[in-house]
Structure formats: C-alpha cells, structure tokens
Amino acid sequence: MVLAEIAAVHSVEKVVLAQETREHNPTHFEKVAAAFGKGVAVEVVPHAELKKRSREAKTNVRTGDFTA
C-alpha cells in the first residue's frame, strides 16, 4: 500500500478522510485510517469540505477522486 511507504518516511500529524468513503467503502476507510498507527488522529469531513481543505494542506494523497 502506498500509505505504508509514506508512513515509513514522513511524520504524519493527522489524516482527513471523506465521510462518503466511510459510508461507501468502509473497508478502504478502515485500511487508510489504520495505516499510520493509533497515534495519528483521523478526522472525517464531508467530501466537499475535504476538497476545500486540500488547497491548504501540506500534502495530499488522492486515492480515488477523479474530480479537480
């Protein structure tokens, strides 16, 4: 998984995931939420909010969104 490589070389402060991911793909949501360990906070927001915040994020990893 790409996230395992990121976790190996980066210090991750927080993971922000779309609420819709939890609703429509709970298996993927759980894998991503657990990828960085229990010490990393996971915040869940609506997809539209996630897209707004992505403009200000230090790093974005897009795993399935094909809209800009």
N, C-alpha and C. Protein backbone atom coordinates (compact mmCIF):
# COMPACT_ATOMS: atom_id res chain seq x y z
N MET A 1 0.84 -1.18 0.00
CA MET A 1 0.00 0.00 0.00
C MET A 1 0.89 1.25 0.00
N VAL A 2 0.54 2.20 -0.79
CA VAL A 2 1.30 3.46 -0.89
C VAL A 2 1.42 4.13 0.46
N LEU A 3 0.39 4.05 1.26
CA LEU A 3 0.41 4.74 2.56
C LEU A 3 1.46 4.18 3.49
N ALA A 4 1.79 2.90 3.38
CA ALA A 4 2.85 2.31 4.20
C ALA A 4 4.19 2.95 3.88
N GLU A 5 4.44 3.21 2.61
CA GLU A 5 5.68 3.88 2.20
C GLU A 5 5.73 5.31 2.72
N ILE A 6 4.60 6.00 2.66
CA ILE A 6 4.53 7.37 3.17
C ILE A 6 4.80 7.37 4.67
N ALA A 7 4.19 6.45 5.38
CA ALA A 7 4.37 6.36 6.83
C ALA A 7 5.82 6.07 7.20
N ALA A 8 6.53 5.36 6.34
CA ALA A 8 7.92 5.00 6.63
C ALA A 8 8.86 6.19 6.54
N VAL A 9 8.52 7.20 5.75
CA VAL A 9 9.46 8.30 5.53
C VAL A 9 8.94 9.67 5.95
N HIS A 10 7.69 9.76 6.36
CA HIS A 10 7.11 11.04 6.74
C HIS A 10 6.52 10.99 8.14
N SER A 11 6.50 12.13 8.79
CA SER A 11 5.82 12.26 10.07
C SER A 11 4.41 12.78 9.78
N VAL A 12 3.43 11.96 10.02
CA VAL A 12 2.04 12.30 9.71
C VAL A 12 1.37 12.82 10.97
N GLU A 13 0.82 14.02 10.90
CA GLU A 13 0.16 14.63 12.05
C GLU A 13 -1.29 14.21 12.16
N LYS A 14 -1.97 14.15 11.01
CA LYS A 14 -3.40 13.86 11.03
C LYS A 14 -3.81 13.36 9.64
N VAL A 15 -4.81 12.50 9.62
CA VAL A 15 -5.39 12.01 8.38
C VAL A 15 -6.82 12.54 8.31
N VAL A 16 -7.18 13.14 7.19
CA VAL A 16 -8.53 13.64 6.99
C VAL A 16 -9.15 12.83 5.85
N LEU A 17 -10.27 12.20 6.14
CA LEU A 17 -10.95 11.35 5.16
C LEU A 17 -12.36 11.84 4.91
N ALA A 18 -12.84 11.59 3.72
CA ALA A 18 -14.22 11.96 3.38
C ALA A 18 -15.21 11.04 4.07
N GLN A 19 -16.25 11.63 4.58
CA GLN A 19 -17.33 10.88 5.21
C GLN A 19 -17.90 9.85 4.24
N GLU A 20 -17.96 10.23 2.97
CA GLU A 20 -18.53 9.35 1.95
C GLU A 20 -17.69 8.09 1.77
N THR A 21 -16.40 8.18 2.03
CA THR A 21 -15.55 6.99 1.95
C THR A 21 -15.97 5.99 3.01
N ARG A 22 -16.22 6.48 4.21
CA ARG A 22 -16.66 5.57 5.29
C ARG A 22 -18.00 4.93 4.95
N GLU A 23 -18.88 5.70 4.33
CA GLU A 23 -20.22 5.19 4.01
C GLU A 23 -20.21 4.22 2.83
N HIS A 24 -19.42 4.53 1.79
CA HIS A 24 -19.48 3.76 0.55
C HIS A 24 -18.38 2.71 0.39
N ASN A 25 -17.30 2.86 1.13
CA ASN A 25 -16.20 1.90 1.04
C ASN A 25 -15.55 1.74 2.42
N PRO A 26 -16.29 1.14 3.36
CA PRO A 26 -15.79 1.06 4.73
C PRO A 26 -14.49 0.26 4.87
N THR A 27 -14.27 -0.71 4.02
CA THR A 27 -13.03 -1.48 4.10
C THR A 27 -11.83 -0.59 3.79
N HIS A 28 -11.93 0.19 2.74
CA HIS A 28 -10.86 1.12 2.38
C HIS A 28 -10.68 2.17 3.48
N PHE A 29 -11.78 2.67 3.99
CA PHE A 29 -11.71 3.67 5.06
C PHE A 29 -10.92 3.13 6.25
N GLU A 30 -11.21 1.93 6.68
CA GLU A 30 -10.53 1.34 7.83
C GLU A 30 -9.04 1.12 7.55
N LYS A 31 -8.71 0.69 6.34
CA LYS A 31 -7.30 0.48 6.00
C LYS A 31 -6.53 1.79 6.03
N VAL A 32 -7.12 2.83 5.46
CA VAL A 32 -6.44 4.13 5.45
C VAL A 32 -6.35 4.69 6.86
N ALA A 33 -7.41 4.60 7.62
CA ALA A 33 -7.43 5.13 8.99
C ALA A 33 -6.38 4.43 9.87
N ALA A 34 -6.12 3.16 9.61
CA ALA A 34 -5.17 2.40 10.42
C ALA A 34 -3.74 2.45 9.89
N ALA A 35 -3.54 2.95 8.70
CA ALA A 35 -2.24 2.87 8.03
C ALA A 35 -1.11 3.58 8.76
N PHE A 36 -1.42 4.61 9.52
CA PHE A 36 -0.38 5.40 10.17
C PHE A 36 -0.26 5.13 11.66
N GLY A 37 -1.02 4.19 12.17
CA GLY A 37 -0.93 3.82 13.57
C GLY A 37 -1.93 4.55 14.45
N LYS A 38 -2.03 4.07 15.67
CA LYS A 38 -3.04 4.60 16.60
C LYS A 38 -2.73 6.01 17.08
N GLY A 39 -1.49 6.45 16.96
CA GLY A 39 -1.12 7.78 17.45
C GLY A 39 -1.49 8.92 16.50
N VAL A 40 -1.97 8.59 15.31
CA VAL A 40 -2.31 9.61 14.32
C VAL A 40 -3.82 9.82 14.31
N ALA A 41 -4.23 11.05 14.52
CA ALA A 41 -5.65 11.38 14.55
C ALA A 41 -6.27 11.21 13.17
N VAL A 42 -7.52 10.77 13.16
CA VAL A 42 -8.29 10.64 11.92
C VAL A 42 -9.52 11.54 12.05
N GLU A 43 -9.64 12.46 11.12
CA GLU A 43 -10.79 13.36 11.09
C GLU A 43 -11.64 13.01 9.88
N VAL A 44 -12.95 13.01 10.06
CA VAL A 44 -13.88 12.68 8.97
C VAL A 44 -14.71 13.92 8.67
N VAL A 45 -14.71 14.33 7.39
CA VAL A 45 -15.44 15.51 6.95
C VAL A 45 -16.18 15.18 5.65
N PRO A 46 -17.20 15.95 5.31
CA PRO A 46 -17.87 15.75 4.02
C PRO A 46 -16.88 15.95 2.86
N HIS A 47 -17.13 15.26 1.76
CA HIS A 47 -16.23 15.32 0.60
C HIS A 47 -15.99 16.75 0.12
N ALA A 48 -17.02 17.56 0.06
CA ALA A 48 -16.87 18.95 -0.38
C ALA A 48 -15.91 19.72 0.53
N GLU A 49 -15.99 19.48 1.83
CA GLU A 49 -15.09 20.13 2.79
C GLU A 49 -13.66 19.62 2.59
N LEU A 50 -13.50 18.35 2.34
CA LEU A 50 -12.18 17.79 2.10
C LEU A 50 -11.52 18.44 0.89
N LYS A 51 -12.29 18.64 -0.16
CA LYS A 51 -11.74 19.27 -1.36
C LYS A 51 -11.33 20.72 -1.08
N LYS A 52 -12.11 21.45 -0.29
CA LYS A 52 -11.75 22.82 0.08
C LYS A 52 -10.44 22.84 0.87
N ARG A 53 -10.35 21.95 1.84
CA ARG A 53 -9.16 21.91 2.69
C ARG A 53 -7.92 21.47 1.93
N SER A 54 -8.08 20.69 0.91
CA SER A 54 -6.93 20.17 0.18
C SER A 54 -6.09 21.29 -0.43
N ARG A 55 -6.69 22.44 -0.65
CA ARG A 55 -5.95 23.58 -1.21
C ARG A 55 -4.90 24.11 -0.24
N GLU A 56 -5.12 23.89 1.06
CA GLU A 56 -4.23 24.42 2.09
C GLU A 56 -3.36 23.35 2.75
N ALA A 57 -3.54 22.10 2.40
CA ALA A 57 -2.81 21.01 3.05
C ALA A 57 -1.34 20.99 2.66
N LYS A 58 -0.51 20.48 3.53
CA LYS A 58 0.91 20.33 3.22
C LYS A 58 1.12 19.22 2.21
N THR A 59 0.35 18.14 2.33
CA THR A 59 0.45 17.00 1.42
C THR A 59 -0.93 16.43 1.18
N ASN A 60 -1.20 16.06 -0.05
CA ASN A 60 -2.45 15.39 -0.41
C ASN A 60 -2.11 14.06 -1.07
N VAL A 61 -2.79 13.01 -0.63
CA VAL A 61 -2.69 11.72 -1.30
C VAL A 61 -4.08 11.37 -1.77
N ARG A 62 -4.26 11.39 -3.06
CA ARG A 62 -5.59 11.15 -3.63
C ARG A 62 -5.64 9.72 -4.13
N THR A 63 -6.57 8.96 -3.57
CA THR A 63 -6.61 7.53 -3.88
C THR A 63 -7.82 7.11 -4.69
N GLY A 64 -8.61 8.05 -5.15
CA GLY A 64 -9.78 7.62 -5.91
C GLY A 64 -10.63 8.72 -6.46
N ASP A 65 -10.32 9.97 -6.15
CA ASP A 65 -11.13 11.09 -6.61
C ASP A 65 -10.61 11.54 -7.97
N PHE A 66 -11.48 11.53 -8.95
CA PHE A 66 -11.09 11.92 -10.29
C PHE A 66 -11.61 13.30 -10.68
N THR A 67 -12.09 14.06 -9.69
CA THR A 67 -12.57 15.41 -9.96
C THR A 67 -11.60 16.40 -9.38
N ALA A 68 -11.42 17.50 -10.02
CA ALA A 68 -10.48 18.51 -9.53
C ALA A 68 -11.21 19.58 -8.75
